[in-house]
N, C-alpha and C. Protein backbone atom coordinates (compact mmCIF):
# COMPACT_ATOMS: atom_id res chain seq x y z
N MET A 1 122.39 126.52 99.42
CA MET A 1 121.95 125.25 100.12
C MET A 1 122.46 124.10 99.59
N ILE A 2 122.58 123.15 100.39
CA ILE A 2 123.06 121.81 99.94
C ILE A 2 121.86 121.18 99.25
N GLY A 3 122.06 120.27 98.14
CA GLY A 3 120.99 119.30 97.73
C GLY A 3 120.90 119.87 96.38
N VAL A 4 119.76 119.34 95.63
CA VAL A 4 119.46 119.65 94.29
C VAL A 4 117.88 120.05 94.18
N TYR A 5 117.57 121.19 93.52
CA TYR A 5 116.28 121.63 93.60
C TYR A 5 115.79 122.01 92.08
N ASP A 6 116.33 121.43 91.26
CA ASP A 6 115.66 121.58 89.67
C ASP A 6 114.59 120.59 89.66
N TYR A 7 113.99 120.64 88.48
CA TYR A 7 112.75 120.00 88.04
C TYR A 7 113.09 118.29 87.92
N THR A 8 114.28 117.98 88.12
CA THR A 8 114.64 116.46 88.07
C THR A 8 114.32 115.78 89.35
N VAL A 9 114.11 116.42 90.33
CA VAL A 9 113.89 115.81 91.47
C VAL A 9 112.54 116.28 92.21
N ILE A 10 111.80 117.35 91.41
CA ILE A 10 110.59 117.68 92.03
C ILE A 10 109.48 116.54 92.38
N LEU A 11 109.39 115.68 91.48
CA LEU A 11 108.41 114.61 91.56
C LEU A 11 108.84 113.76 92.88
N THR A 12 110.15 113.57 93.08
CA THR A 12 110.43 112.60 94.19
C THR A 12 110.05 113.54 95.53
N TYR A 13 110.42 114.77 95.52
CA TYR A 13 110.05 115.60 96.75
C TYR A 13 108.70 115.58 96.96
N LEU A 14 107.86 115.83 95.97
CA LEU A 14 106.24 115.68 96.22
C LEU A 14 105.91 114.33 96.45
N SER A 15 106.40 113.38 96.04
CA SER A 15 106.10 112.06 96.41
C SER A 15 106.48 111.66 97.85
N MET A 16 107.52 112.19 98.33
CA MET A 16 107.75 112.10 99.82
C MET A 16 106.91 112.99 100.69
N MET A 17 106.58 114.21 100.32
CA MET A 17 105.58 115.14 100.96
C MET A 17 104.29 114.37 101.05
N SER A 18 103.94 113.76 100.04
CA SER A 18 102.49 112.95 99.89
C SER A 18 102.60 111.75 100.91
N GLY A 19 103.71 110.95 100.99
CA GLY A 19 103.84 109.88 101.84
C GLY A 19 103.92 110.46 103.33
N ALA A 20 104.48 111.47 103.78
CA ALA A 20 104.68 112.19 105.15
C ALA A 20 103.11 112.39 105.48
N VAL A 21 102.36 113.20 104.52
CA VAL A 21 101.06 113.75 104.96
C VAL A 21 100.19 112.36 105.22
N GLY A 22 100.30 111.46 104.50
CA GLY A 22 99.52 109.80 104.55
C GLY A 22 100.08 109.48 105.96
N ILE A 23 101.23 109.43 106.31
CA ILE A 23 101.52 108.86 107.70
C ILE A 23 100.93 109.78 108.84
N ILE A 24 100.91 110.94 108.67
CA ILE A 24 100.33 111.87 109.66
C ILE A 24 98.75 111.69 109.67
N ALA A 25 98.17 111.45 108.63
CA ALA A 25 96.71 111.10 108.50
C ALA A 25 96.39 109.94 109.22
N THR A 26 97.08 108.93 109.03
CA THR A 26 96.79 107.53 109.46
C THR A 26 97.04 107.58 111.07
N MET A 27 97.98 108.29 111.50
CA MET A 27 98.10 108.34 112.82
C MET A 27 97.37 109.36 113.64
N THR A 28 96.61 110.15 113.05
CA THR A 28 95.75 111.00 113.79
C THR A 28 94.51 110.61 114.25
N GLY A 29 94.32 110.80 115.65
CA GLY A 29 93.18 110.52 116.28
C GLY A 29 92.93 108.86 116.28
N ILE A 30 91.82 108.21 115.97
CA ILE A 30 91.73 106.84 115.86
C ILE A 30 92.43 106.37 114.61
N GLY A 31 92.61 107.03 113.50
CA GLY A 31 93.53 106.67 112.47
C GLY A 31 92.44 106.65 111.23
N HIS A 32 93.15 107.09 110.06
CA HIS A 32 92.28 107.20 108.95
C HIS A 32 93.01 106.42 107.71
N PRO A 33 92.90 105.00 107.68
CA PRO A 33 93.67 104.22 106.79
C PRO A 33 93.29 104.58 105.29
N TYR A 34 91.94 104.84 104.97
CA TYR A 34 91.65 105.13 103.40
C TYR A 34 92.32 106.53 103.03
N ILE A 35 92.41 107.52 103.92
CA ILE A 35 93.15 108.69 103.70
C ILE A 35 94.45 108.46 103.30
N GLY A 36 94.99 107.57 104.18
CA GLY A 36 96.29 107.24 103.92
C GLY A 36 96.60 106.40 102.58
N ILE A 37 95.64 105.51 102.35
CA ILE A 37 95.56 104.86 100.96
C ILE A 37 95.69 105.96 99.71
N ILE A 38 94.98 106.92 99.81
CA ILE A 38 94.89 107.87 98.84
C ILE A 38 96.27 108.58 98.61
N PHE A 39 96.84 108.91 99.65
CA PHE A 39 98.16 109.62 99.56
C PHE A 39 99.28 108.45 99.19
N LEU A 40 99.09 107.28 99.63
CA LEU A 40 100.12 106.01 99.05
C LEU A 40 99.96 106.12 97.52
N MET A 41 98.79 106.08 97.03
CA MET A 41 98.61 106.03 95.49
C MET A 41 99.21 107.18 94.77
N ILE A 42 98.85 108.40 95.46
CA ILE A 42 99.57 109.65 94.94
C ILE A 42 100.96 109.43 94.77
N SER A 43 101.54 109.02 95.90
CA SER A 43 103.07 108.77 95.87
C SER A 43 103.40 107.95 94.81
N GLY A 44 102.76 106.90 94.60
CA GLY A 44 103.12 105.92 93.73
C GLY A 44 102.97 106.36 92.20
N PHE A 45 102.11 107.39 91.99
CA PHE A 45 101.91 108.06 90.57
C PHE A 45 103.18 108.79 90.47
N LEU A 46 103.51 109.60 91.49
CA LEU A 46 104.49 110.61 91.16
C LEU A 46 105.86 109.78 91.12
N ASP A 47 106.22 108.79 91.69
CA ASP A 47 107.43 107.91 91.78
C ASP A 47 107.44 107.24 90.33
N GLY A 48 106.19 106.75 89.92
CA GLY A 48 106.31 106.18 88.69
C GLY A 48 106.84 107.01 87.35
N PHE A 49 106.89 108.26 87.59
CA PHE A 49 107.32 109.05 86.51
C PHE A 49 108.54 110.17 86.87
N ASP A 50 108.97 110.01 88.05
CA ASP A 50 110.07 110.82 88.39
C ASP A 50 111.36 110.48 87.65
N GLY A 51 111.78 109.22 87.54
CA GLY A 51 112.88 108.82 86.90
C GLY A 51 112.77 109.22 85.35
N ARG A 52 111.80 109.10 84.71
CA ARG A 52 111.57 109.57 83.27
C ARG A 52 111.64 110.97 83.20
N VAL A 53 111.29 111.79 84.13
CA VAL A 53 111.46 113.21 83.98
C VAL A 53 112.86 113.46 84.24
N ALA A 54 113.66 112.92 85.19
CA ALA A 54 114.93 113.12 85.62
C ALA A 54 115.71 112.85 84.28
N ARG A 55 115.64 111.84 83.63
CA ARG A 55 116.39 111.58 82.40
C ARG A 55 116.18 112.63 81.22
N THR A 56 115.12 113.28 81.28
CA THR A 56 115.20 114.26 80.13
C THR A 56 116.15 115.25 80.31
N LYS A 57 116.85 115.62 81.38
CA LYS A 57 117.80 116.48 81.35
C LYS A 57 119.20 115.96 80.96
N LYS A 58 119.92 116.38 79.86
CA LYS A 58 120.87 115.58 79.36
C LYS A 58 122.26 115.95 79.85
N ASN A 59 122.19 117.27 80.51
CA ASN A 59 123.64 117.50 81.04
C ASN A 59 123.72 117.26 82.60
N ARG A 60 122.92 116.31 83.12
CA ARG A 60 123.07 116.23 84.63
C ARG A 60 124.54 115.78 84.96
N THR A 61 124.85 116.37 86.10
CA THR A 61 126.26 115.87 86.49
C THR A 61 126.10 114.69 87.49
N GLU A 62 127.30 114.08 87.52
CA GLU A 62 127.20 112.82 88.37
C GLU A 62 126.85 112.99 89.76
N PHE A 63 127.03 114.24 90.26
CA PHE A 63 126.37 114.35 91.58
C PHE A 63 125.01 114.53 91.47
N GLU A 64 124.61 115.09 90.59
CA GLU A 64 122.99 115.11 90.28
C GLU A 64 122.32 113.80 90.13
N LYS A 65 122.91 112.85 89.45
CA LYS A 65 122.59 111.47 89.18
C LYS A 65 122.58 110.59 90.43
N ASN A 66 123.70 110.76 91.14
CA ASN A 66 123.76 109.96 92.42
C ASN A 66 122.89 110.58 93.64
N PHE A 67 122.52 111.79 93.45
CA PHE A 67 121.57 112.48 94.60
C PHE A 67 120.24 112.06 94.07
N GLY A 68 120.03 111.88 92.86
CA GLY A 68 118.61 111.42 92.49
C GLY A 68 118.32 110.01 92.86
N VAL A 69 119.29 109.31 92.86
CA VAL A 69 119.36 107.89 93.28
C VAL A 69 119.01 107.66 94.61
N GLN A 70 119.86 108.54 95.48
CA GLN A 70 119.76 108.21 96.90
C GLN A 70 118.45 108.95 97.55
N ILE A 71 117.97 110.07 96.89
CA ILE A 71 116.87 110.75 97.57
C ILE A 71 115.57 109.93 97.03
N ASP A 72 115.72 109.37 95.84
CA ASP A 72 114.48 108.43 95.49
C ASP A 72 114.28 107.31 96.39
N SER A 73 115.30 106.60 96.79
CA SER A 73 115.31 105.41 97.66
C SER A 73 115.00 105.93 99.19
N LEU A 74 115.38 107.15 99.67
CA LEU A 74 114.78 107.61 100.93
C LEU A 74 113.36 107.93 100.86
N SER A 75 112.97 108.48 99.81
CA SER A 75 111.63 108.71 99.64
C SER A 75 110.76 107.47 99.53
N ASP A 76 111.16 106.56 98.77
CA ASP A 76 110.52 105.14 98.79
C ASP A 76 110.39 104.56 100.06
N LEU A 77 111.40 104.77 100.98
CA LEU A 77 111.34 104.10 102.25
C LEU A 77 110.03 104.65 103.10
N ILE A 78 109.94 106.00 102.91
CA ILE A 78 108.94 106.72 103.63
C ILE A 78 107.55 106.26 103.10
N CYS A 79 107.50 106.50 101.63
CA CYS A 79 106.22 106.40 101.14
C CYS A 79 105.63 104.89 101.10
N PHE A 80 106.57 103.81 100.72
CA PHE A 80 105.97 102.37 100.35
C PHE A 80 106.51 101.51 101.42
N GLY A 81 107.54 102.09 102.42
CA GLY A 81 107.88 101.24 103.52
C GLY A 81 107.22 101.63 104.89
N VAL A 82 107.30 102.84 105.27
CA VAL A 82 106.66 103.36 106.54
C VAL A 82 105.09 103.59 106.28
N LEU A 83 104.68 104.17 105.24
CA LEU A 83 103.12 104.38 105.06
C LEU A 83 102.20 103.14 105.07
N PRO A 84 102.78 102.33 104.23
CA PRO A 84 101.57 100.99 104.38
C PRO A 84 101.57 100.50 105.69
N ALA A 85 102.75 100.43 106.48
CA ALA A 85 102.68 99.89 107.86
C ALA A 85 101.95 100.92 108.71
N ALA A 86 101.84 102.09 108.58
CA ALA A 86 101.16 102.94 109.27
C ALA A 86 99.47 102.83 108.95
N ILE A 87 99.25 102.55 107.74
CA ILE A 87 98.10 102.28 107.28
C ILE A 87 97.40 100.96 107.92
N GLY A 88 98.38 99.92 108.03
CA GLY A 88 97.79 98.53 108.74
C GLY A 88 97.41 98.94 110.19
N ILE A 89 98.39 99.78 110.92
CA ILE A 89 98.07 100.08 112.29
C ILE A 89 96.90 100.72 112.48
N ALA A 90 96.64 101.60 111.47
CA ALA A 90 95.59 102.51 111.55
C ALA A 90 94.14 101.76 111.39
N GLN A 91 94.28 100.89 110.42
CA GLN A 91 93.17 100.00 110.13
C GLN A 91 92.77 99.05 111.40
N LEU A 92 93.93 98.64 111.92
CA LEU A 92 93.81 97.65 113.20
C LEU A 92 93.01 98.56 114.28
N ARG A 93 93.41 99.78 114.44
CA ARG A 93 92.73 100.65 115.49
C ARG A 93 91.38 101.09 115.24
N LYS A 94 91.26 101.28 113.89
CA LYS A 94 89.72 101.78 113.51
C LYS A 94 88.78 100.72 113.58
N ASN A 95 89.14 99.71 112.73
CA ASN A 95 88.14 98.67 112.51
C ASN A 95 88.53 97.14 112.73
N GLY A 96 89.72 97.09 113.57
CA GLY A 96 90.28 95.73 113.64
C GLY A 96 89.64 94.88 114.67
N ILE A 97 90.07 93.57 114.90
CA ILE A 97 89.45 92.74 115.80
C ILE A 97 89.52 93.13 117.02
N PHE A 98 90.49 93.92 117.57
CA PHE A 98 90.61 94.32 118.94
C PHE A 98 89.73 95.36 119.39
N THR A 99 89.07 96.09 118.33
CA THR A 99 88.14 97.24 118.87
C THR A 99 87.07 96.60 119.75
N GLU A 100 86.37 95.49 119.59
CA GLU A 100 85.15 95.05 120.33
C GLU A 100 85.88 94.50 121.65
N LEU A 101 87.16 94.07 121.54
CA LEU A 101 87.83 93.43 122.73
C LEU A 101 88.03 94.57 123.84
N VAL A 102 88.55 95.64 123.39
CA VAL A 102 88.67 96.83 124.13
C VAL A 102 87.71 97.18 124.87
N ARG A 103 86.45 97.30 124.14
CA ARG A 103 85.08 97.83 124.48
C ARG A 103 84.63 97.01 125.71
N ARG A 104 84.92 95.58 125.58
CA ARG A 104 84.43 94.75 126.53
C ARG A 104 85.48 94.46 127.66
N LYS A 105 86.53 95.10 127.57
CA LYS A 105 87.71 95.06 128.63
C LYS A 105 88.19 93.58 128.44
N GLU A 106 88.14 93.03 127.40
CA GLU A 106 88.64 91.57 127.30
C GLU A 106 89.96 91.44 126.39
N TYR A 107 90.83 92.65 126.59
CA TYR A 107 91.97 92.66 125.82
C TYR A 107 93.18 91.84 126.28
N GLU A 108 92.99 91.40 127.61
CA GLU A 108 93.99 90.60 128.39
C GLU A 108 94.07 89.27 127.58
N GLY A 109 95.13 88.77 127.43
CA GLY A 109 95.29 87.37 126.82
C GLY A 109 95.47 87.51 125.36
N HIS A 110 95.26 88.70 124.76
CA HIS A 110 95.40 88.88 123.40
C HIS A 110 96.69 89.75 122.99
N TYR A 111 97.53 89.93 123.93
CA TYR A 111 98.69 90.51 123.76
C TYR A 111 99.58 89.85 122.65
N SER A 112 99.74 88.70 122.68
CA SER A 112 100.48 87.75 121.88
C SER A 112 100.02 88.09 120.33
N ILE A 113 98.89 88.26 120.03
CA ILE A 113 98.54 88.51 118.83
C ILE A 113 98.95 90.02 118.25
N MET A 114 98.78 90.75 119.28
CA MET A 114 98.96 92.29 118.90
C MET A 114 100.71 92.33 118.70
N ILE A 115 101.42 91.71 119.59
CA ILE A 115 102.80 91.61 119.33
C ILE A 115 103.25 91.06 117.93
N LEU A 116 102.52 90.06 117.63
CA LEU A 116 102.87 89.40 116.45
C LEU A 116 102.76 90.35 115.22
N LEU A 117 101.51 90.95 115.33
CA LEU A 117 101.21 92.09 114.25
C LEU A 117 102.12 93.35 114.09
N ILE A 118 102.63 93.66 115.37
CA ILE A 118 103.48 94.78 115.40
C ILE A 118 104.92 94.12 114.77
N ALA A 119 105.22 93.01 115.06
CA ALA A 119 106.47 92.35 114.72
C ALA A 119 106.39 92.17 112.97
N ILE A 120 105.22 91.85 112.41
CA ILE A 120 105.23 91.76 110.91
C ILE A 120 105.27 93.30 110.40
N THR A 121 104.69 94.24 111.09
CA THR A 121 104.96 95.65 110.60
C THR A 121 106.38 96.14 110.61
N VAL A 122 107.13 95.85 111.65
CA VAL A 122 108.46 96.05 111.68
C VAL A 122 109.21 95.31 110.63
N ILE A 123 108.91 94.06 110.40
CA ILE A 123 109.73 93.12 109.45
C ILE A 123 109.47 93.75 108.10
N TYR A 124 108.23 94.33 107.82
CA TYR A 124 108.01 94.94 106.58
C TYR A 124 108.80 96.04 106.28
N ILE A 125 108.84 97.04 107.16
CA ILE A 125 109.58 98.08 106.97
C ILE A 125 111.18 97.79 106.87
N LEU A 126 111.71 96.68 107.64
CA LEU A 126 113.10 96.30 107.49
C LEU A 126 113.36 95.69 106.21
N ALA A 127 112.47 95.05 105.72
CA ALA A 127 112.55 94.36 104.31
C ALA A 127 112.68 95.41 103.11
N ALA A 128 111.87 96.45 103.36
CA ALA A 128 111.75 97.62 102.36
C ALA A 128 113.23 98.43 102.55
N LEU A 129 113.69 98.57 103.69
CA LEU A 129 114.97 99.10 103.97
C LEU A 129 116.07 98.33 103.34
N ILE A 130 116.05 96.95 103.54
CA ILE A 130 117.17 96.19 102.89
C ILE A 130 117.04 96.20 101.47
N ARG A 131 115.93 96.01 100.77
CA ARG A 131 115.71 96.16 99.38
C ARG A 131 116.45 97.34 98.87
N LEU A 132 115.88 98.60 99.42
CA LEU A 132 116.40 99.91 98.83
C LEU A 132 117.89 100.09 99.09
N ALA A 133 118.41 99.57 100.08
CA ALA A 133 119.91 99.72 100.24
C ALA A 133 120.54 98.69 99.35
N TYR A 134 120.13 97.52 99.04
CA TYR A 134 120.63 96.78 97.91
C TYR A 134 120.46 97.31 96.74
N PHE A 135 119.35 97.83 96.29
CA PHE A 135 119.09 98.48 95.02
C PHE A 135 120.24 99.57 94.76
N ASN A 136 120.47 100.49 95.85
CA ASN A 136 121.52 101.41 95.65
C ASN A 136 122.94 100.91 95.35
N VAL A 137 123.23 99.85 96.10
CA VAL A 137 124.67 99.26 96.09
C VAL A 137 124.87 98.68 94.75
N THR A 138 123.73 97.97 94.08
CA THR A 138 123.88 97.21 92.94
C THR A 138 123.62 98.01 91.74
N ILE A 139 123.44 99.35 91.69
CA ILE A 139 123.10 100.17 90.67
C ILE A 139 124.03 100.21 89.42
N ASP A 140 125.30 100.15 89.76
CA ASP A 140 126.23 100.06 88.67
C ASP A 140 126.17 98.80 87.86
N GLU A 141 126.07 97.62 88.74
CA GLU A 141 126.17 96.40 88.19
C GLU A 141 124.88 96.13 87.27
N ARG A 142 123.71 96.68 87.84
CA ARG A 142 122.54 96.53 86.93
C ARG A 142 122.60 97.18 85.57
N LYS A 143 123.25 98.35 85.65
CA LYS A 143 123.33 99.11 84.36
C LYS A 143 124.29 98.64 83.37
N LYS A 144 125.22 97.90 83.95
CA LYS A 144 126.13 97.09 82.95
C LYS A 144 125.55 96.00 82.52
N GLN A 145 124.58 95.24 83.04
CA GLN A 145 123.97 94.01 82.68
C GLN A 145 122.89 94.55 81.73
N ALA A 146 122.36 95.64 81.92
CA ALA A 146 121.28 96.26 80.94
C ALA A 146 121.90 96.61 79.71
N ALA A 147 122.98 97.11 79.73
CA ALA A 147 123.96 97.60 78.67
C ALA A 147 124.32 96.52 77.57
N GLU A 148 124.37 95.32 78.33
CA GLU A 148 125.02 94.06 77.74
C GLU A 148 123.74 93.38 77.19
N THR A 149 122.71 93.29 77.89
CA THR A 149 121.56 92.58 77.35
C THR A 149 120.43 93.36 76.78
N GLY A 150 120.34 94.54 77.00
CA GLY A 150 119.35 95.40 76.44
C GLY A 150 117.99 95.26 77.12
N VAL A 151 118.12 94.62 78.27
CA VAL A 151 116.82 94.38 79.12
C VAL A 151 117.31 94.82 80.58
N GLU A 152 116.25 95.55 80.93
CA GLU A 152 116.36 95.85 82.49
C GLU A 152 115.43 95.04 83.33
N TYR A 153 116.03 94.78 84.53
CA TYR A 153 115.29 93.75 85.50
C TYR A 153 115.50 94.48 86.76
N PHE A 154 114.63 94.18 87.55
CA PHE A 154 114.51 94.25 89.12
C PHE A 154 114.87 92.83 89.79
N THR A 155 115.55 92.89 90.90
CA THR A 155 115.67 91.70 91.62
C THR A 155 114.62 91.65 92.73
N GLY A 156 113.68 90.87 92.89
CA GLY A 156 112.63 90.89 93.70
C GLY A 156 111.39 91.79 93.38
N LEU A 157 110.65 91.83 94.30
CA LEU A 157 109.36 92.68 93.98
C LEU A 157 109.70 94.19 94.25
N PRO A 158 109.47 95.16 93.31
CA PRO A 158 109.86 96.67 93.56
C PRO A 158 108.93 97.04 94.86
N VAL A 159 109.50 97.96 95.63
CA VAL A 159 108.83 98.51 96.76
C VAL A 159 107.56 99.22 96.35
N THR A 160 107.81 100.03 95.12
CA THR A 160 106.67 100.87 94.65
C THR A 160 105.29 100.15 94.41
N SER A 161 105.39 98.54 94.35
CA SER A 161 104.34 97.82 93.95
C SER A 161 103.26 98.01 95.29
N ALA A 162 103.73 98.48 96.47
CA ALA A 162 102.89 98.73 97.47
C ALA A 162 101.79 99.70 97.06
N ALA A 163 102.02 100.49 96.31
CA ALA A 163 101.15 101.51 95.90
C ALA A 163 99.84 100.94 95.13
N LEU A 164 99.96 99.69 94.67
CA LEU A 164 98.85 98.85 94.00
C LEU A 164 98.32 97.92 95.02
N ILE A 165 99.33 97.17 95.73
CA ILE A 165 98.69 95.82 96.45
C ILE A 165 97.95 96.36 97.70
N PHE A 166 98.33 97.31 98.47
CA PHE A 166 97.74 97.66 99.62
C PHE A 166 96.33 98.36 99.58
N PRO A 167 96.35 99.33 98.49
CA PRO A 167 94.93 99.97 98.22
C PRO A 167 94.02 98.88 97.77
N LEU A 168 94.32 97.78 96.92
CA LEU A 168 93.31 96.76 96.56
C LEU A 168 92.95 95.94 97.92
N ALA A 169 93.92 95.81 98.88
CA ALA A 169 93.45 94.96 99.96
C ALA A 169 92.50 95.78 100.90
N LEU A 170 92.49 97.06 101.18
CA LEU A 170 91.60 97.82 101.78
C LEU A 170 90.22 98.21 101.07
N ILE A 171 90.32 97.97 99.78
CA ILE A 171 89.11 98.17 98.92
C ILE A 171 88.17 96.98 99.19
N LEU A 172 89.00 95.74 99.04
CA LEU A 172 88.23 94.47 99.23
C LEU A 172 87.96 94.48 100.86
N ASN A 173 88.57 95.09 101.73
CA ASN A 173 88.14 94.96 103.15
C ASN A 173 86.67 95.84 103.30
N PHE A 174 86.72 96.89 102.42
CA PHE A 174 85.40 97.82 102.59
C PHE A 174 84.17 96.89 102.04
N TYR A 175 84.34 96.22 100.94
CA TYR A 175 83.30 95.58 100.32
C TYR A 175 82.96 94.32 100.78
N VAL A 176 83.60 93.61 101.44
CA VAL A 176 83.53 92.39 101.97
C VAL A 176 82.92 92.40 103.37
N LYS A 177 81.91 91.85 103.77
CA LYS A 177 81.24 91.89 105.04
C LYS A 177 82.32 91.55 106.27
N ALA A 178 83.07 90.53 105.95
CA ALA A 178 83.93 90.10 107.15
C ALA A 178 85.10 91.17 107.32
N ASP A 179 85.69 91.18 108.35
CA ASP A 179 87.01 92.06 108.79
C ASP A 179 87.94 91.34 108.18
N LEU A 180 88.82 91.98 107.42
CA LEU A 180 90.07 91.23 106.74
C LEU A 180 91.16 91.95 107.26
N THR A 181 91.21 92.74 108.19
CA THR A 181 92.23 93.49 108.64
C THR A 181 93.48 92.47 108.93
N ILE A 182 93.36 91.42 109.49
CA ILE A 182 94.43 90.46 109.74
C ILE A 182 95.19 89.95 108.40
N TRP A 183 94.23 89.80 107.44
CA TRP A 183 94.75 89.44 106.00
C TRP A 183 95.81 90.61 105.51
N TYR A 184 95.24 91.83 106.02
CA TYR A 184 96.23 92.95 105.35
C TYR A 184 97.59 92.77 106.18
N PHE A 185 97.86 92.47 107.33
CA PHE A 185 99.21 91.97 107.71
C PHE A 185 99.70 90.90 107.23
N LEU A 186 98.97 89.93 106.97
CA LEU A 186 99.61 88.60 106.35
C LEU A 186 100.03 88.94 104.84
N ILE A 187 99.30 90.08 104.23
CA ILE A 187 99.84 90.46 102.85
C ILE A 187 101.19 91.28 103.08
N MET A 188 101.10 92.04 103.96
CA MET A 188 102.21 92.66 104.29
C MET A 188 103.65 91.88 104.56
N LEU A 189 103.28 90.81 105.28
CA LEU A 189 104.53 89.87 105.49
C LEU A 189 104.87 89.15 104.28
N LEU A 190 103.97 88.73 103.47
CA LEU A 190 104.20 88.03 102.06
C LEU A 190 104.84 89.04 101.22
N VAL A 191 104.43 90.38 101.12
CA VAL A 191 105.19 91.37 100.34
C VAL A 191 106.65 91.36 100.76
N ALA A 192 106.73 91.53 102.11
CA ALA A 192 108.15 91.74 102.67
C ALA A 192 109.05 90.61 102.20
N VAL A 193 108.41 89.39 102.24
CA VAL A 193 109.28 88.30 101.86
C VAL A 193 109.76 88.54 100.18
N MET A 194 108.63 89.06 99.30
CA MET A 194 108.94 89.13 97.97
C MET A 194 109.81 90.14 97.54
N PHE A 195 110.02 91.34 98.58
CA PHE A 195 110.94 92.24 98.39
C PHE A 195 112.24 91.74 98.34
N LEU A 196 112.60 90.79 99.10
CA LEU A 196 113.89 90.18 99.41
C LEU A 196 114.41 88.99 98.48
N LEU A 197 113.39 88.36 97.47
CA LEU A 197 113.63 87.22 96.87
C LEU A 197 114.54 87.52 95.83
N ASN A 198 115.40 86.47 95.50
CA ASN A 198 116.56 86.77 94.61
C ASN A 198 116.04 86.31 93.32
N VAL A 199 115.06 86.98 92.76
CA VAL A 199 114.33 86.52 91.62
C VAL A 199 114.38 87.81 90.62
N LYS A 200 114.68 87.64 89.40
CA LYS A 200 114.61 88.59 88.45
C LYS A 200 113.20 88.92 87.94
N VAL A 201 112.91 90.36 88.13
CA VAL A 201 111.63 90.81 87.44
C VAL A 201 111.90 91.71 86.47
N ARG A 202 111.31 91.55 85.23
CA ARG A 202 111.64 92.57 84.37
C ARG A 202 110.84 93.73 84.24
N LYS A 203 111.56 94.83 84.09
CA LYS A 203 110.99 96.27 84.13
C LYS A 203 109.90 96.21 83.11
N VAL A 204 108.67 96.93 83.52
CA VAL A 204 107.62 97.05 82.53
C VAL A 204 107.98 98.21 81.54
N GLY A 205 107.46 97.98 80.30
CA GLY A 205 107.79 99.07 79.38
C GLY A 205 106.56 100.14 79.38
N ASN A 206 106.60 100.93 78.31
CA ASN A 206 105.43 101.98 78.14
C ASN A 206 104.01 101.25 78.17
N LYS A 207 103.77 100.15 77.64
CA LYS A 207 102.46 99.65 77.65
C LYS A 207 102.09 98.89 79.05
N GLY A 208 102.95 98.43 79.65
CA GLY A 208 102.99 98.03 80.87
C GLY A 208 102.61 99.18 82.01
N MET A 209 103.32 100.16 81.63
CA MET A 209 103.14 101.42 82.74
C MET A 209 101.65 101.86 82.32
N ILE A 210 101.15 101.96 81.18
CA ILE A 210 99.65 102.36 80.86
C ILE A 210 98.80 101.58 81.79
N VAL A 211 99.00 100.25 81.66
CA VAL A 211 98.02 99.32 82.30
C VAL A 211 98.09 99.53 83.85
N ILE A 212 99.42 99.62 84.40
CA ILE A 212 99.57 100.02 85.94
C ILE A 212 98.87 101.36 86.13
N VAL A 213 99.05 102.43 85.38
CA VAL A 213 98.38 103.63 85.59
C VAL A 213 96.86 103.45 85.74
N LEU A 214 96.29 102.77 84.54
CA LEU A 214 94.75 102.71 84.57
C LEU A 214 94.40 101.74 85.98
N LEU A 215 95.06 100.80 86.20
CA LEU A 215 94.60 100.02 87.37
C LEU A 215 94.77 100.87 88.76
N GLY A 216 95.75 101.88 88.83
CA GLY A 216 95.80 102.58 89.97
C GLY A 216 94.90 103.76 89.98
N LEU A 217 94.30 104.20 88.73
CA LEU A 217 93.28 104.97 88.59
C LEU A 217 91.99 104.43 89.03
N VAL A 218 91.78 103.28 88.74
CA VAL A 218 90.41 102.52 89.19
C VAL A 218 90.51 102.43 90.65
N GLU A 219 91.72 102.03 91.19
CA GLU A 219 91.73 101.93 92.77
C GLU A 219 91.66 103.38 93.47
N PHE A 220 92.17 104.44 92.81
CA PHE A 220 92.06 105.72 93.29
C PHE A 220 90.77 106.19 93.30
N ILE A 221 89.93 105.93 92.20
CA ILE A 221 88.64 106.37 92.13
C ILE A 221 87.61 105.58 93.29
N SER A 222 88.00 104.15 93.15
CA SER A 222 87.20 103.36 94.26
C SER A 222 87.38 103.91 95.68
N THR A 223 88.56 104.32 96.12
CA THR A 223 88.99 104.69 97.25
C THR A 223 88.23 106.12 97.62
N ILE A 224 88.49 107.00 96.57
CA ILE A 224 87.62 108.33 96.80
C ILE A 224 86.25 108.08 97.10
N MET A 225 85.46 107.11 96.38
CA MET A 225 84.29 107.00 96.74
C MET A 225 83.78 106.30 98.19
N ILE A 226 84.80 105.50 98.59
CA ILE A 226 84.70 104.99 99.98
C ILE A 226 84.89 106.24 101.00
N VAL A 227 85.85 106.80 100.70
CA VAL A 227 86.07 108.08 101.74
C VAL A 227 84.94 109.09 101.62
N CYS A 228 84.41 109.57 100.41
CA CYS A 228 83.18 110.40 100.26
C CYS A 228 82.00 109.76 100.60
């Protein structure tokens, strides 16, 4: 069979599978955004360690390395590009401002707002796609700079940050009395812009990763409590 199937890519495969299940869950019935958030955070956790696991294999071939880079980006597009967008649409369908309008048959005249929100969703996915393509094209350049300076940087906001940003948005939406669904889309637009900013962001070290994991754990537990 074509492809790579050893332990170096297993976390990436699992992350993609989690993202796919999350998309299916959000698109089933009226939509289940908080179920989607759970799978988004699972994907984020798995993605946070797939590179570290892959680098433990010292005799990786160039094909295996390149395959790992490409498959990671494709997985990221599904998990942190499409899934957050699907969660936003599910939240809009389940608890959005249009629910009452549809019930009252007052939806006419509000198509422009719906089109705007759909446009933001598409822009977000496109921004994630462009960022990931840029990441793949410039990987050799970034490796060279890291070797010269001893410091690794991202350019713009990493797409994996979606695994922390959007869960927080929906957790706040649950505990705040007002419906913050529109804010979710505004955050999505802001994050899309930050994906493409030509600003260097230093990669977090081990201490930073611990903080991120703890924050994600708090969000994960909070979401589980909301779902249950």
